[in-house]
Amino acid sequence: MADEAAVQNLLKDIRACTACADDLPHDPRPVLRASTSARICIVGQAPGTRVHASGIPFDDPSGDRLRDWLGIDRDTFYDESRIAIVPMGFCFPGLDAKGGDKPPLKRCAKLWRKQLFETLGKIDFTIIIGTYAQAWHLGTERKKTVTETVAAWREYMPSAITLPHPSWRNNTWLKKNPWFEADVLPVLRAEVAKRV
């Protein structure tokens, strides 16, 4: 495990990264938070348009819903000494033809992910949000769909839990899967409360 100065130097390098500049519709702006003392790590897809503008992860309605799911306030959520936020892609990848976010660029994970996670030695609970994060962090343990993977959340405990993306685009999913709020969220909140 690296010391905090080494982690902060690595974060400085990541935030200065321009490796994907030619593949982005805007200037690179890597957005992540981490510290050697964090016990929780939230791994999601990539920043959206609002997060790209603010430089603050989950600084949007999805973040409001995620904080509600976790049972914590903004101050706790953004306390990087307690919670690391490490998306699969650190920069906003742009929008697709339907107005949704494009997938995170794969180069980002290849360049930085292993090195960063090797420095975060106190993480003992990973919150894995959405398809891309589930594919990376669960590998062959991932099920065929996000729904199946989230439904199998008990299989990944106590070190991880799987969630759908907290986006408004998933309102229909939440209505079709009431077990998520009834069964998963109480456990998620209890696990987070133990560590913050």
C-alpha atoms as a PDB file:
ATOM      1  CA  MET A   1       0.000   0.000   0.000  1.00  0.00           C
ATOM      2  CA  ALA A   2       1.346   3.414  -0.953  1.00  0.00           C
ATOM      3  CA  ASP A   3       1.454   6.343   1.412  1.00  0.00           C
ATOM      4  CA  GLU A   4      -0.872   9.310   1.023  1.00  0.00           C
ATOM      5  CA  ALA A   5       1.737  11.449  -0.741  1.00  0.00           C
ATOM      6  CA  ALA A   6       2.212   8.728  -3.368  1.00  0.00           C
ATOM      7  CA  VAL A   7      -1.554   8.467  -3.883  1.00  0.00           C
ATOM      8  CA  GLN A   8      -1.879  12.227  -4.251  1.00  0.00           C
ATOM      9  CA  ASN A   9       0.976  12.234  -6.791  1.00  0.00           C
ATOM     10  CA  LEU A  10      -0.771   9.474  -8.732  1.00  0.00           C
ATOM     11  CA  LEU A  11      -4.049  11.409  -8.639  1.00  0.00           C
ATOM     12  CA  LYS A  12      -2.211  14.489  -9.905  1.00  0.00           C
ATOM     13  CA  ASP A  13      -0.873  12.422 -12.829  1.00  0.00           C
ATOM     14  CA  ILE A  14      -4.326  11.007 -13.581  1.00  0.00           C
ATOM     15  CA  ARG A  15      -5.944  14.442 -13.476  1.00  0.00           C
ATOM     16  CA  ALA A  16      -3.321  15.704 -15.930  1.00  0.00           C
ATOM     17  CA  CYS A  17      -3.833  12.779 -18.320  1.00  0.00           C
ATOM     18  CA  THR A  18      -4.575  13.635 -21.953  1.00  0.00           C
ATOM     19  CA  ALA A  19      -4.166  10.144 -23.457  1.00  0.00           C
ATOM     20  CA  CYS A  20      -7.732  10.124 -24.795  1.00  0.00           C
ATOM     21  CA  ALA A  21      -7.787  13.739 -26.013  1.00  0.00           C
ATOM     22  CA  ASP A  22      -8.182  12.725 -29.667  1.00  0.00           C
ATOM     23  CA  ASP A  23     -11.145  10.479 -28.809  1.00  0.00           C
ATOM     24  CA  LEU A  24     -13.130  13.030 -26.797  1.00  0.00           C
ATOM     25  CA  PRO A  25     -15.459  15.758 -28.100  1.00  0.00           C
ATOM     26  CA  HIS A  26     -13.983  18.198 -25.540  1.00  0.00           C
ATOM     27  CA  ASP A  27     -10.802  18.749 -23.541  1.00  0.00           C
ATOM     28  CA  PRO A  28     -10.003  15.947 -21.079  1.00  0.00           C
ATOM     29  CA  ARG A  29     -11.096  16.548 -17.491  1.00  0.00           C
ATOM     30  CA  PRO A  30     -10.513  13.447 -15.363  1.00  0.00           C
ATOM     31  CA  VAL A  31     -12.869  13.356 -12.376  1.00  0.00           C
ATOM     32  CA  LEU A  32     -12.206  11.059  -9.421  1.00  0.00           C
ATOM     33  CA  ARG A  33     -11.574  11.130  -5.675  1.00  0.00           C
ATOM     34  CA  ALA A  34      -9.422   8.836  -3.561  1.00  0.00           C
ATOM     35  CA  SER A  35      -7.330   8.566  -0.413  1.00  0.00           C
ATOM     36  CA  THR A  36      -5.379   5.823   1.324  1.00  0.00           C
ATOM     37  CA  SER A  37      -7.762   6.046   4.308  1.00  0.00           C
ATOM     38  CA  ALA A  38     -10.994   5.478   2.348  1.00  0.00           C
ATOM     39  CA  ARG A  39     -12.748   2.203   3.203  1.00  0.00           C
ATOM     40  CA  ILE A  40     -15.539   2.531   0.631  1.00  0.00           C
ATOM     41  CA  CYS A  41     -15.022   2.809  -3.104  1.00  0.00           C
ATOM     42  CA  ILE A  42     -17.806   3.757  -5.491  1.00  0.00           C
ATOM     43  CA  VAL A  43     -17.115   2.547  -9.019  1.00  0.00           C
ATOM     44  CA  GLY A  44     -19.408   3.628 -11.818  1.00  0.00           C
ATOM     45  CA  GLN A  45     -19.317   4.368 -15.514  1.00  0.00           C
ATOM     46  CA  ALA A  46     -17.914   7.830 -16.338  1.00  0.00           C
ATOM     47  CA  PRO A  47     -18.723  11.481 -15.644  1.00  0.00           C
ATOM     48  CA  GLY A  48     -21.727  12.980 -17.429  1.00  0.00           C
ATOM     49  CA  THR A  49     -22.101  16.480 -18.842  1.00  0.00           C
ATOM     50  CA  ARG A  50     -22.825  18.171 -15.496  1.00  0.00           C
ATOM     51  CA  VAL A  51     -19.962  16.416 -13.754  1.00  0.00           C
ATOM     52  CA  HIS A  52     -17.633  17.330 -16.617  1.00  0.00           C
ATOM     53  CA  ALA A  53     -18.639  20.970 -16.126  1.00  0.00           C
ATOM     54  CA  SER A  54     -18.260  20.999 -12.324  1.00  0.00           C
ATOM     55  CA  GLY A  55     -15.375  18.550 -11.900  1.00  0.00           C
ATOM     56  CA  ILE A  56     -17.253  17.004  -8.937  1.00  0.00           C
ATOM     57  CA  PRO A  57     -18.307  13.336  -9.236  1.00  0.00           C
ATOM     58  CA  PHE A  58     -22.041  12.621  -8.990  1.00  0.00           C
ATOM     59  CA  ASP A  59     -22.775  16.363  -8.841  1.00  0.00           C
ATOM     60  CA  ASP A  60     -26.145  15.829 -10.511  1.00  0.00           C
ATOM     61  CA  PRO A  61     -29.564  14.251  -9.866  1.00  0.00           C
ATOM     62  CA  SER A  62     -28.002  10.776 -10.149  1.00  0.00           C
ATOM     63  CA  GLY A  63     -25.735  11.727  -7.269  1.00  0.00           C
ATOM     64  CA  ASP A  64     -28.704  12.916  -5.225  1.00  0.00           C
ATOM     65  CA  ARG A  65     -30.377   9.534  -5.708  1.00  0.00           C
ATOM     66  CA  LEU A  66     -27.146   7.649  -4.986  1.00  0.00           C
ATOM     67  CA  ARG A  67     -26.609   9.573  -1.729  1.00  0.00           C
ATOM     68  CA  ASP A  68     -30.187   8.722  -0.754  1.00  0.00           C
ATOM     69  CA  TRP A  69     -29.539   5.051  -1.532  1.00  0.00           C
ATOM     70  CA  LEU A  70     -26.399   5.164   0.619  1.00  0.00           C
ATOM     71  CA  GLY A  71     -28.143   7.011   3.448  1.00  0.00           C
ATOM     72  CA  ILE A  72     -25.490   9.747   3.673  1.00  0.00           C
ATOM     73  CA  ASP A  73     -25.292  13.498   3.142  1.00  0.00           C
ATOM     74  CA  ARG A  74     -23.154  15.412   0.636  1.00  0.00           C
ATOM     75  CA  ASP A  75     -20.411  16.217   3.156  1.00  0.00           C
ATOM     76  CA  THR A  76     -19.922  12.542   4.003  1.00  0.00           C
ATOM     77  CA  PHE A  77     -20.181  11.483   0.366  1.00  0.00           C
ATOM     78  CA  TYR A  78     -17.464  13.930  -0.689  1.00  0.00           C
ATOM     79  CA  ASP A  79     -15.144  13.194   2.230  1.00  0.00           C
ATOM     80  CA  GLU A  80     -12.451  11.382   0.266  1.00  0.00           C
ATOM     81  CA  SER A  81     -10.796  10.232   3.474  1.00  0.00           C
ATOM     82  CA  ARG A  82     -13.837   7.942   3.826  1.00  0.00           C
ATOM     83  CA  ILE A  83     -15.164   7.385   0.297  1.00  0.00           C
ATOM     84  CA  ALA A  84     -13.211   6.983  -2.933  1.00  0.00           C
ATOM     85  CA  ILE A  85     -15.038   7.601  -6.209  1.00  0.00           C
ATOM     86  CA  VAL A  86     -13.295   5.902  -9.116  1.00  0.00           C
ATOM     87  CA  PRO A  87     -15.315   5.595 -12.355  1.00  0.00           C
ATOM     88  CA  MET A  88     -14.338   3.257 -15.184  1.00  0.00           C
ATOM     89  CA  GLY A  89     -13.572   6.252 -17.384  1.00  0.00           C
ATOM     90  CA  PHE A  90     -12.359   9.426 -15.711  1.00  0.00           C
ATOM     91  CA  CYS A  91     -13.483  11.791 -18.484  1.00  0.00           C
ATOM     92  CA  PHE A  92     -16.941  12.433 -19.932  1.00  0.00           C
ATOM     93  CA  PRO A  93     -16.985  10.322 -23.131  1.00  0.00           C
ATOM     94  CA  GLY A  94     -19.558  12.423 -24.988  1.00  0.00           C
ATOM     95  CA  LEU A  95     -23.127  11.739 -26.065  1.00  0.00           C
ATOM     96  CA  ASP A  96     -24.435   9.104 -28.431  1.00  0.00           C
ATOM     97  CA  ALA A  97     -26.979   9.721 -31.210  1.00  0.00           C
ATOM     98  CA  LYS A  98     -29.890   9.248 -28.765  1.00  0.00           C
ATOM     99  CA  GLY A  99     -28.545  11.796 -26.278  1.00  0.00           C
ATOM    100  CA  GLY A 100     -27.282   9.249 -23.765  1.00  0.00           C
ATOM    101  CA  ASP A 101     -23.709   9.042 -22.518  1.00  0.00           C
ATOM    102  CA  LYS A 102     -21.302   7.015 -24.624  1.00  0.00           C
ATOM    103  CA  PRO A 103     -19.511   4.105 -22.918  1.00  0.00           C
ATOM    104  CA  PRO A 104     -16.378   4.974 -20.932  1.00  0.00           C
ATOM    105  CA  LEU A 105     -13.212   4.856 -23.005  1.00  0.00           C
ATOM    106  CA  LYS A 106     -11.338   1.608 -22.325  1.00  0.00           C
ATOM    107  CA  ARG A 107      -7.896   3.216 -22.434  1.00  0.00           C
ATOM    108  CA  CYS A 108      -8.475   4.959 -19.119  1.00  0.00           C
ATOM    109  CA  ALA A 109      -8.920   1.728 -17.168  1.00  0.00           C
ATOM    110  CA  LYS A 110      -5.935   0.120 -18.898  1.00  0.00           C
ATOM    111  CA  LEU A 111      -3.684   3.056 -18.077  1.00  0.00           C
ATOM    112  CA  TRP A 112      -4.643   3.775 -14.492  1.00  0.00           C
ATOM    113  CA  ARG A 113      -7.010   1.351 -12.784  1.00  0.00           C
ATOM    114  CA  LYS A 114      -4.632  -1.376 -11.573  1.00  0.00           C
ATOM    115  CA  GLN A 115      -2.053   1.108 -10.347  1.00  0.00           C
ATOM    116  CA  LEU A 116      -4.654   3.181  -8.512  1.00  0.00           C
ATOM    117  CA  PHE A 117      -6.337   0.241  -6.794  1.00  0.00           C
ATOM    118  CA  GLU A 118      -2.975  -1.097  -5.642  1.00  0.00           C
ATOM    119  CA  THR A 119      -2.567   2.125  -3.633  1.00  0.00           C
ATOM    120  CA  LEU A 120      -6.008   2.016  -2.017  1.00  0.00           C
ATOM    121  CA  GLY A 121      -5.233  -0.650   0.534  1.00  0.00           C
ATOM    122  CA  LYS A 122      -7.978   0.123   3.070  1.00  0.00           C
ATOM    123  CA  ILE A 123     -10.934  -0.326   0.702  1.00  0.00           C
ATOM    124  CA  ASP A 124     -13.066  -3.092   2.183  1.00  0.00           C
ATOM    125  CA  PHE A 125     -16.401  -2.333   0.517  1.00  0.00           C
ATOM    126  CA  THR A 126     -16.865  -1.608  -3.179  1.00  0.00           C
ATOM    127  CA  ILE A 127     -20.126  -0.279  -4.567  1.00  0.00           C
ATOM    128  CA  ILE A 128     -20.248  -1.440  -8.183  1.00  0.00           C
ATOM    129  CA  ILE A 129     -22.630   0.599 -10.335  1.00  0.00           C
ATOM    130  CA  GLY A 130     -23.741  -0.454 -13.816  1.00  0.00           C
ATOM    131  CA  THR A 131     -22.593  -2.673 -16.650  1.00  0.00           C
ATOM    132  CA  TYR A 132     -19.055  -1.435 -17.277  1.00  0.00           C
ATOM    133  CA  ALA A 133     -18.014  -1.404 -13.630  1.00  0.00           C
ATOM    134  CA  GLN A 134     -19.588  -4.813 -13.074  1.00  0.00           C
ATOM    135  CA  ALA A 135     -17.729  -6.259 -16.062  1.00  0.00           C
ATOM    136  CA  TRP A 136     -14.370  -4.971 -14.808  1.00  0.00           C
ATOM    137  CA  HIS A 137     -14.734  -5.683 -11.100  1.00  0.00           C
ATOM    138  CA  LEU A 138     -16.672  -8.951 -11.243  1.00  0.00           C
ATOM    139  CA  GLY A 139     -15.294 -10.526 -14.422  1.00  0.00           C
ATOM    140  CA  THR A 140     -16.736 -14.009 -14.828  1.00  0.00           C
ATOM    141  CA  GLU A 141     -18.757 -13.604 -11.617  1.00  0.00           C
ATOM    142  CA  ARG A 142     -20.997 -11.092 -13.400  1.00  0.00           C
ATOM    143  CA  LYS A 143     -24.357 -12.352 -14.618  1.00  0.00           C
ATOM    144  CA  LYS A 144     -25.780 -11.860 -18.133  1.00  0.00           C
ATOM    145  CA  THR A 145     -27.628  -8.611 -17.376  1.00  0.00           C
ATOM    146  CA  VAL A 146     -27.432  -5.741 -14.914  1.00  0.00           C
ATOM    147  CA  THR A 147     -30.722  -6.895 -13.401  1.00  0.00           C
ATOM    148  CA  GLU A 148     -29.421 -10.416 -12.845  1.00  0.00           C
ATOM    149  CA  THR A 149     -26.155  -9.082 -11.432  1.00  0.00           C
ATOM    150  CA  VAL A 150     -27.917  -6.725  -9.027  1.00  0.00           C
ATOM    151  CA  ALA A 151     -30.350  -9.501  -8.043  1.00  0.00           C
ATOM    152  CA  ALA A 152     -27.327 -11.661  -7.156  1.00  0.00           C
ATOM    153  CA  TRP A 153     -25.959  -8.982  -4.811  1.00  0.00           C
ATOM    154  CA  ARG A 154     -25.651 -11.431  -1.904  1.00  0.00           C
ATOM    155  CA  GLU A 155     -23.020 -13.386  -3.832  1.00  0.00           C
ATOM    156  CA  TYR A 156     -20.646 -10.404  -3.775  1.00  0.00           C
ATOM    157  CA  MET A 157     -21.050  -9.532  -0.110  1.00  0.00           C
ATOM    158  CA  PRO A 158     -19.451  -8.657   2.255  1.00  0.00           C
ATOM    159  CA  SER A 159     -16.736  -6.986   0.173  1.00  0.00           C
ATOM    160  CA  ALA A 160     -18.925  -5.587  -2.611  1.00  0.00           C
ATOM    161  CA  ILE A 161     -22.476  -4.813  -3.636  1.00  0.00           C
ATOM    162  CA  THR A 162     -23.936  -4.321  -7.112  1.00  0.00           C
ATOM    163  CA  LEU A 163     -26.310  -1.498  -8.047  1.00  0.00           C
ATOM    164  CA  PRO A 164     -28.060  -0.238 -11.147  1.00  0.00           C
ATOM    165  CA  HIS A 165     -27.131   3.260 -12.236  1.00  0.00           C
ATOM    166  CA  PRO A 166     -29.020   5.846 -10.135  1.00  0.00           C
ATOM    167  CA  SER A 167     -29.991   7.810 -13.260  1.00  0.00           C
ATOM    168  CA  TRP A 168     -33.550   8.967 -13.927  1.00  0.00           C
ATOM    169  CA  ARG A 169     -33.305   6.753 -17.021  1.00  0.00           C
ATOM    170  CA  ASN A 170     -33.666   3.811 -14.627  1.00  0.00           C
ATOM    171  CA  ASN A 171     -36.965   4.944 -13.061  1.00  0.00           C
ATOM    172  CA  THR A 172     -38.816   2.238 -15.009  1.00  0.00           C
ATOM    173  CA  TRP A 173     -36.278  -0.378 -13.876  1.00  0.00           C
ATOM    174  CA  LEU A 174     -36.809   0.640 -10.248  1.00  0.00           C
ATOM    175  CA  LYS A 175     -40.600   0.342 -10.604  1.00  0.00           C
ATOM    176  CA  LYS A 176     -40.266  -3.114 -12.190  1.00  0.00           C
ATOM    177  CA  ASN A 177     -37.847  -4.317  -9.495  1.00  0.00           C
ATOM    178  CA  PRO A 178     -39.293  -3.272  -6.104  1.00  0.00           C
ATOM    179  CA  TRP A 179     -37.089  -5.874  -4.397  1.00  0.00           C
ATOM    180  CA  PHE A 180     -34.143  -3.533  -4.965  1.00  0.00           C
ATOM    181  CA  GLU A 181     -35.426  -0.860  -2.592  1.00  0.00           C
ATOM    182  CA  ALA A 182     -36.913  -3.402  -0.178  1.00  0.00           C
ATOM    183  CA  ASP A 183     -33.999  -5.863   0.045  1.00  0.00           C
ATOM    184  CA  VAL A 184     -30.813  -4.216  -1.210  1.00  0.00           C
ATOM    185  CA  LEU A 185     -30.990  -0.653   0.079  1.00  0.00           C
ATOM    186  CA  PRO A 186     -31.300  -1.488   3.805  1.00  0.00           C
ATOM    187  CA  VAL A 187     -28.198  -3.690   3.567  1.00  0.00           C
ATOM    188  CA  LEU A 188     -26.336  -1.079   1.522  1.00  0.00           C
ATOM    189  CA  ARG A 189     -27.108   1.636   4.079  1.00  0.00           C
ATOM    190  CA  ALA A 190     -26.039  -0.577   6.976  1.00  0.00           C
ATOM    191  CA  GLU A 191     -22.723  -1.451   5.314  1.00  0.00           C
ATOM    192  CA  VAL A 192     -21.994   2.185   4.505  1.00  0.00           C
ATOM    193  CA  ALA A 193     -22.899   3.300   8.037  1.00  0.00           C
ATOM    194  CA  LYS A 194     -20.355   0.842   9.478  1.00  0.00           C
ATOM    195  CA  ARG A 195     -17.561   2.497   7.496  1.00  0.00           C
ATOM    196  CA  VAL A 196     -18.272   6.211   7.511  1.00  0.00           C
END
